[in-house]
Amino acid sequence: MKDASQYNPGVTDTLSIDVLLATLNATDVGSLDAISAKMTQVQQGLDAMNQPALAGTAGEAVAALRRGDVTEFRRARAFLQSKIGHLR
């Protein structure tokens, strides 16, 4: 059986974007390790979607979180949410 992406390749991208946005939204709660892991998943997803600049921003968000710069982490997360939403 064929999946929807075979008929419309954009469907897979839209699903990936929705997953990335849901993962970003889930970075509001959890341990620092769990939040860092979620942001790393977003970074890897962006790499897979050939979005190196956004993947770099996700990496910067992880680095900010690890050094305890919550303000920078939140800024990067908000930026990613905005830019990823525009990829649809």
C-alpha atoms as a PDB file:
ATOM      1  CA  MET A   1       0.000   0.000   0.000  1.00  0.00           C
ATOM      2  CA  LYS A   2       1.326   3.435  -0.895  1.00  0.00           C
ATOM      3  CA  ASP A   3       1.554   6.123   1.760  1.00  0.00           C
ATOM      4  CA  ALA A   4       0.469   9.725   1.268  1.00  0.00           C
ATOM      5  CA  SER A   5       4.036  10.927   0.680  1.00  0.00           C
ATOM      6  CA  GLN A   6       4.240   8.943  -2.562  1.00  0.00           C
ATOM      7  CA  TYR A   7       1.323  10.916  -3.970  1.00  0.00           C
ATOM      8  CA  ASN A   8       2.320  14.243  -2.465  1.00  0.00           C
ATOM      9  CA  PRO A   9       5.939  14.581  -1.243  1.00  0.00           C
ATOM     10  CA  GLY A  10       4.983  17.742   0.665  1.00  0.00           C
ATOM     11  CA  VAL A  11       2.886  15.677   3.059  1.00  0.00           C
ATOM     12  CA  THR A  12       5.993  14.158   4.615  1.00  0.00           C
ATOM     13  CA  ASP A  13       7.550  17.591   5.096  1.00  0.00           C
ATOM     14  CA  THR A  14       4.369  18.894   6.705  1.00  0.00           C
ATOM     15  CA  LEU A  15       4.263  15.930   9.073  1.00  0.00           C
ATOM     16  CA  SER A  16       7.937  16.455   9.926  1.00  0.00           C
ATOM     17  CA  ILE A  17       7.311  20.134  10.582  1.00  0.00           C
ATOM     18  CA  ASP A  18       4.383  19.291  12.851  1.00  0.00           C
ATOM     19  CA  VAL A  19       6.548  16.817  14.766  1.00  0.00           C
ATOM     20  CA  LEU A  20       9.326  19.396  15.152  1.00  0.00           C
ATOM     21  CA  LEU A  21       6.874  21.999  16.427  1.00  0.00           C
ATOM     22  CA  ALA A  22       5.330  19.528  18.870  1.00  0.00           C
ATOM     23  CA  THR A  23       8.790  18.626  20.137  1.00  0.00           C
ATOM     24  CA  LEU A  24       9.667  22.303  20.586  1.00  0.00           C
ATOM     25  CA  ASN A  25       6.437  22.847  22.503  1.00  0.00           C
ATOM     26  CA  ALA A  26       7.405  19.971  24.790  1.00  0.00           C
ATOM     27  CA  THR A  27      10.588  21.786  25.847  1.00  0.00           C
ATOM     28  CA  ASP A  28       8.610  23.793  28.405  1.00  0.00           C
ATOM     29  CA  VAL A  29       8.716  21.028  31.012  1.00  0.00           C
ATOM     30  CA  GLY A  30      11.053  18.294  32.136  1.00  0.00           C
ATOM     31  CA  SER A  31      14.556  17.928  33.404  1.00  0.00           C
ATOM     32  CA  LEU A  32      17.362  19.858  31.757  1.00  0.00           C
ATOM     33  CA  ASP A  33      18.629  16.616  30.246  1.00  0.00           C
ATOM     34  CA  ALA A  34      15.197  15.820  28.788  1.00  0.00           C
ATOM     35  CA  ILE A  35      14.786  19.335  27.381  1.00  0.00           C
ATOM     36  CA  SER A  36      18.278  19.193  25.895  1.00  0.00           C
ATOM     37  CA  ALA A  37      17.503  15.810  24.313  1.00  0.00           C
ATOM     38  CA  LYS A  38      14.296  17.172  22.769  1.00  0.00           C
ATOM     39  CA  MET A  39      16.113  20.167  21.326  1.00  0.00           C
ATOM     40  CA  THR A  40      18.798  17.841  19.949  1.00  0.00           C
ATOM     41  CA  GLN A  41      16.012  15.865  18.226  1.00  0.00           C
ATOM     42  CA  VAL A  42      14.801  19.104  16.674  1.00  0.00           C
ATOM     43  CA  GLN A  43      18.351  19.858  15.522  1.00  0.00           C
ATOM     44  CA  GLN A  44      18.666  16.435  13.905  1.00  0.00           C
ATOM     45  CA  GLY A  45      15.259  16.797  12.249  1.00  0.00           C
ATOM     46  CA  LEU A  46      16.256  20.135  10.786  1.00  0.00           C
ATOM     47  CA  ASP A  47      19.497  18.639   9.507  1.00  0.00           C
ATOM     48  CA  ALA A  48      17.480  15.855   7.852  1.00  0.00           C
ATOM     49  CA  MET A  49      15.226  18.471   6.233  1.00  0.00           C
ATOM     50  CA  ASN A  50      18.310  20.260   4.832  1.00  0.00           C
ATOM     51  CA  GLN A  51      17.872  23.336   7.056  1.00  0.00           C
ATOM     52  CA  PRO A  52      21.442  23.844   8.321  1.00  0.00           C
ATOM     53  CA  ALA A  53      20.939  27.413   9.570  1.00  0.00           C
ATOM     54  CA  LEU A  54      17.960  26.421  11.692  1.00  0.00           C
ATOM     55  CA  ALA A  55      19.771  23.301  12.876  1.00  0.00           C
ATOM     56  CA  GLY A  56      22.612  25.573  13.987  1.00  0.00           C
ATOM     57  CA  THR A  57      20.167  27.693  15.968  1.00  0.00           C
ATOM     58  CA  ALA A  58      18.875  24.545  17.664  1.00  0.00           C
ATOM     59  CA  GLY A  59      22.473  23.653  18.537  1.00  0.00           C
ATOM     60  CA  GLU A  60      22.955  27.132  19.979  1.00  0.00           C
ATOM     61  CA  ALA A  61      19.817  26.639  22.076  1.00  0.00           C
ATOM     62  CA  VAL A  62      21.238  23.413  23.499  1.00  0.00           C
ATOM     63  CA  ALA A  63      24.522  25.177  24.289  1.00  0.00           C
ATOM     64  CA  ALA A  64      22.653  28.031  25.993  1.00  0.00           C
ATOM     65  CA  LEU A  65      20.706  25.562  28.096  1.00  0.00           C
ATOM     66  CA  ARG A  66      23.874  23.736  29.133  1.00  0.00           C
ATOM     67  CA  ARG A  67      25.518  26.945  30.297  1.00  0.00           C
ATOM     68  CA  GLY A  68      22.358  28.008  32.132  1.00  0.00           C
ATOM     69  CA  ASP A  69      21.410  30.908  29.878  1.00  0.00           C
ATOM     70  CA  VAL A  70      17.637  30.444  30.026  1.00  0.00           C
ATOM     71  CA  THR A  71      16.907  33.768  28.330  1.00  0.00           C
ATOM     72  CA  GLU A  72      18.995  32.835  25.295  1.00  0.00           C
ATOM     73  CA  PHE A  73      17.471  29.348  25.213  1.00  0.00           C
ATOM     74  CA  ARG A  74      13.951  30.783  25.182  1.00  0.00           C
ATOM     75  CA  ARG A  75      14.869  33.313  22.505  1.00  0.00           C
ATOM     76  CA  ALA A  76      16.305  30.580  20.279  1.00  0.00           C
ATOM     77  CA  ARG A  77      13.291  28.329  20.878  1.00  0.00           C
ATOM     78  CA  ALA A  78      10.835  31.123  19.978  1.00  0.00           C
ATOM     79  CA  PHE A  79      12.863  31.910  16.844  1.00  0.00           C
ATOM     80  CA  LEU A  80      12.794  28.233  15.822  1.00  0.00           C
ATOM     81  CA  GLN A  81       9.060  27.951  16.431  1.00  0.00           C
ATOM     82  CA  SER A  82       8.477  30.941  14.185  1.00  0.00           C
ATOM     83  CA  LYS A  83      10.815  29.864  11.386  1.00  0.00           C
ATOM     84  CA  ILE A  84       9.778  26.202  11.399  1.00  0.00           C
ATOM     85  CA  GLY A  85       6.134  27.234  11.235  1.00  0.00           C
ATOM     86  CA  HIS A  86       6.926  29.173   8.059  1.00  0.00           C
ATOM     87  CA  LEU A  87       8.408  26.076   6.380  1.00  0.00           C
ATOM     88  CA  ARG A  88       4.906  24.718   5.713  1.00  0.00           C
END
